[in-house]
């Protein structure tokens, strides 16, 4: 049993839209960070879907590299969020200028 590509691409578009709205609406750095990760995962779903439709593995390899870059981004992003929380006991995105030296 296989899903049609249109359904999977619709799901990926919905996930991307939810992530984009979350980044634009929410002010918490943690929630914004999770929304960016949701957007990256929706792009990975799109890459894998097009790879499967075209019958090649290039999209899957590219999705793997996006996952690797996202893992590196998680380490740097979480370090910044922890540093922000230590300085201001809040993860409000409006207080990011506190990290300037």
C-alpha atoms as a PDB file:
ATOM      1  CA  UNK A   1       0.000   0.000   0.000  1.00  0.00           C
ATOM      2  CA  UNK A   2       1.434   3.346  -1.014  1.00  0.00           C
ATOM      3  CA  UNK A   3       0.293   6.892  -0.392  1.00  0.00           C
ATOM      4  CA  UNK A   4      -0.141   9.273  -3.268  1.00  0.00           C
ATOM      5  CA  UNK A   5       2.566  11.901  -3.469  1.00  0.00           C
ATOM      6  CA  UNK A   6      -0.001  14.680  -3.300  1.00  0.00           C
ATOM      7  CA  UNK A   7      -1.133  13.657   0.185  1.00  0.00           C
ATOM      8  CA  UNK A   8       2.417  13.534   1.499  1.00  0.00           C
ATOM      9  CA  UNK A   9       3.264  16.886  -0.083  1.00  0.00           C
ATOM     10  CA  UNK A  10       0.074  18.349   1.403  1.00  0.00           C
ATOM     11  CA  UNK A  11       1.128  17.105   4.836  1.00  0.00           C
ATOM     12  CA  UNK A  12       4.597  18.597   4.334  1.00  0.00           C
ATOM     13  CA  UNK A  13       3.072  21.933   3.295  1.00  0.00           C
ATOM     14  CA  UNK A  14       0.808  21.918   6.362  1.00  0.00           C
ATOM     15  CA  UNK A  15       3.752  21.146   8.655  1.00  0.00           C
ATOM     16  CA  UNK A  16       5.790  23.927   7.067  1.00  0.00           C
ATOM     17  CA  UNK A  17       2.902  26.382   7.452  1.00  0.00           C
ATOM     18  CA  UNK A  18       2.460  25.477  11.131  1.00  0.00           C
ATOM     19  CA  UNK A  19       6.195  25.974  11.669  1.00  0.00           C
ATOM     20  CA  UNK A  20       6.238  29.305   9.861  1.00  0.00           C
ATOM     21  CA  UNK A  21       3.256  30.600  11.838  1.00  0.00           C
ATOM     22  CA  UNK A  22       4.891  29.424  15.053  1.00  0.00           C
ATOM     23  CA  UNK A  23       8.097  31.308  14.278  1.00  0.00           C
ATOM     24  CA  UNK A  24       6.216  34.485  13.401  1.00  0.00           C
ATOM     25  CA  UNK A  25       3.706  34.446  16.255  1.00  0.00           C
ATOM     26  CA  UNK A  26       5.491  33.037  19.293  1.00  0.00           C
ATOM     27  CA  UNK A  27       8.112  34.972  21.273  1.00  0.00           C
ATOM     28  CA  UNK A  28       9.652  32.122  23.257  1.00  0.00           C
ATOM     29  CA  UNK A  29      13.034  31.095  21.853  1.00  0.00           C
ATOM     30  CA  UNK A  30      12.382  27.428  22.642  1.00  0.00           C
ATOM     31  CA  UNK A  31       9.079  27.387  20.744  1.00  0.00           C
ATOM     32  CA  UNK A  32      10.614  29.276  17.838  1.00  0.00           C
ATOM     33  CA  UNK A  33      13.462  26.768  17.788  1.00  0.00           C
ATOM     34  CA  UNK A  34      11.034  23.828  17.698  1.00  0.00           C
ATOM     35  CA  UNK A  35       9.101  25.489  14.863  1.00  0.00           C
ATOM     36  CA  UNK A  36      12.272  25.872  12.805  1.00  0.00           C
ATOM     37  CA  UNK A  37      12.991  22.174  13.363  1.00  0.00           C
ATOM     38  CA  UNK A  38       9.432  21.382  12.253  1.00  0.00           C
ATOM     39  CA  UNK A  39      10.025  23.359   9.072  1.00  0.00           C
ATOM     40  CA  UNK A  40      13.286  21.488   8.414  1.00  0.00           C
ATOM     41  CA  UNK A  41      11.505  18.159   8.883  1.00  0.00           C
ATOM     42  CA  UNK A  42       8.764  19.164   6.455  1.00  0.00           C
ATOM     43  CA  UNK A  43      11.427  19.999   3.862  1.00  0.00           C
ATOM     44  CA  UNK A  44      13.007  16.591   4.475  1.00  0.00           C
ATOM     45  CA  UNK A  45       9.618  14.953   3.918  1.00  0.00           C
ATOM     46  CA  UNK A  46       9.311  16.825   0.633  1.00  0.00           C
ATOM     47  CA  UNK A  47      12.810  15.789  -0.482  1.00  0.00           C
ATOM     48  CA  UNK A  48      12.165  12.133   0.297  1.00  0.00           C
ATOM     49  CA  UNK A  49       8.777  12.233  -1.442  1.00  0.00           C
ATOM     50  CA  UNK A  50      10.204  13.683  -4.640  1.00  0.00           C
ATOM     51  CA  UNK A  51      13.075  11.211  -4.440  1.00  0.00           C
ATOM     52  CA  UNK A  52      10.624   8.336  -4.245  1.00  0.00           C
ATOM     53  CA  UNK A  53       8.474   9.693  -7.082  1.00  0.00           C
ATOM     54  CA  UNK A  54      11.498  10.141  -9.356  1.00  0.00           C
ATOM     55  CA  UNK A  55      12.997   6.782  -8.412  1.00  0.00           C
ATOM     56  CA  UNK A  56      16.425   8.053  -7.382  1.00  0.00           C
ATOM     57  CA  UNK A  57      18.231   8.449  -4.079  1.00  0.00           C
ATOM     58  CA  UNK A  58      19.540  11.999  -4.502  1.00  0.00           C
ATOM     59  CA  UNK A  59      16.709  13.526  -2.484  1.00  0.00           C
ATOM     60  CA  UNK A  60      17.228  11.011   0.303  1.00  0.00           C
ATOM     61  CA  UNK A  61      20.951  11.774   0.441  1.00  0.00           C
ATOM     62  CA  UNK A  62      20.202  15.501   0.540  1.00  0.00           C
ATOM     63  CA  UNK A  63      17.666  14.896   3.334  1.00  0.00           C
ATOM     64  CA  UNK A  64      20.373  13.044   5.260  1.00  0.00           C
ATOM     65  CA  UNK A  65      22.690  16.054   4.998  1.00  0.00           C
ATOM     66  CA  UNK A  66      19.885  18.366   6.107  1.00  0.00           C
ATOM     67  CA  UNK A  67      19.436  16.144   9.184  1.00  0.00           C
ATOM     68  CA  UNK A  68      23.177  16.386   9.914  1.00  0.00           C
ATOM     69  CA  UNK A  69      23.117  20.180   9.616  1.00  0.00           C
ATOM     70  CA  UNK A  70      19.988  20.316  11.789  1.00  0.00           C
ATOM     71  CA  UNK A  71      21.776  18.289  14.476  1.00  0.00           C
ATOM     72  CA  UNK A  72      24.652  20.777  14.475  1.00  0.00           C
ATOM     73  CA  UNK A  73      22.139  23.622  14.586  1.00  0.00           C
ATOM     74  CA  UNK A  74      20.466  22.045  17.610  1.00  0.00           C
ATOM     75  CA  UNK A  75      23.688  22.076  19.592  1.00  0.00           C
ATOM     76  CA  UNK A  76      24.451  25.711  18.821  1.00  0.00           C
ATOM     77  CA  UNK A  77      20.853  26.863  19.221  1.00  0.00           C
ATOM     78  CA  UNK A  78      20.307  25.120  22.527  1.00  0.00           C
ATOM     79  CA  UNK A  79      23.588  26.521  23.834  1.00  0.00           C
ATOM     80  CA  UNK A  80      22.397  30.030  22.964  1.00  0.00           C
ATOM     81  CA  UNK A  81      19.001  29.432  24.574  1.00  0.00           C
ATOM     82  CA  UNK A  82      20.604  28.076  27.768  1.00  0.00           C
ATOM     83  CA  UNK A  83      22.947  31.082  27.883  1.00  0.00           C
ATOM     84  CA  UNK A  84      20.006  33.450  27.392  1.00  0.00           C
ATOM     85  CA  UNK A  85      18.075  31.709  30.173  1.00  0.00           C
ATOM     86  CA  UNK A  86      21.046  31.934  32.537  1.00  0.00           C
ATOM     87  CA  UNK A  87      21.389  35.661  31.930  1.00  0.00           C
ATOM     88  CA  UNK A  88      17.713  36.667  32.014  1.00  0.00           C
ATOM     89  CA  UNK A  89      15.748  33.725  33.563  1.00  0.00           C
ATOM     90  CA  UNK A  90      13.535  33.966  30.488  1.00  0.00           C
ATOM     91  CA  UNK A  91      13.671  32.695  26.936  1.00  0.00           C
ATOM     92  CA  UNK A  92      11.854  35.678  25.453  1.00  0.00           C
ATOM     93  CA  UNK A  93      13.175  36.412  21.958  1.00  0.00           C
ATOM     94  CA  UNK A  94      13.004  40.159  22.586  1.00  0.00           C
ATOM     95  CA  UNK A  95      15.859  39.849  25.083  1.00  0.00           C
ATOM     96  CA  UNK A  96      18.353  38.332  22.648  1.00  0.00           C
ATOM     97  CA  UNK A  97      20.354  41.583  22.526  1.00  0.00           C
ATOM     98  CA  UNK A  98      21.545  40.684  26.047  1.00  0.00           C
ATOM     99  CA  UNK A  99      24.120  38.308  24.521  1.00  0.00           C
ATOM    100  CA  UNK A 100      26.081  41.151  22.919  1.00  0.00           C
ATOM    101  CA  UNK A 101      29.426  41.853  24.537  1.00  0.00           C
END
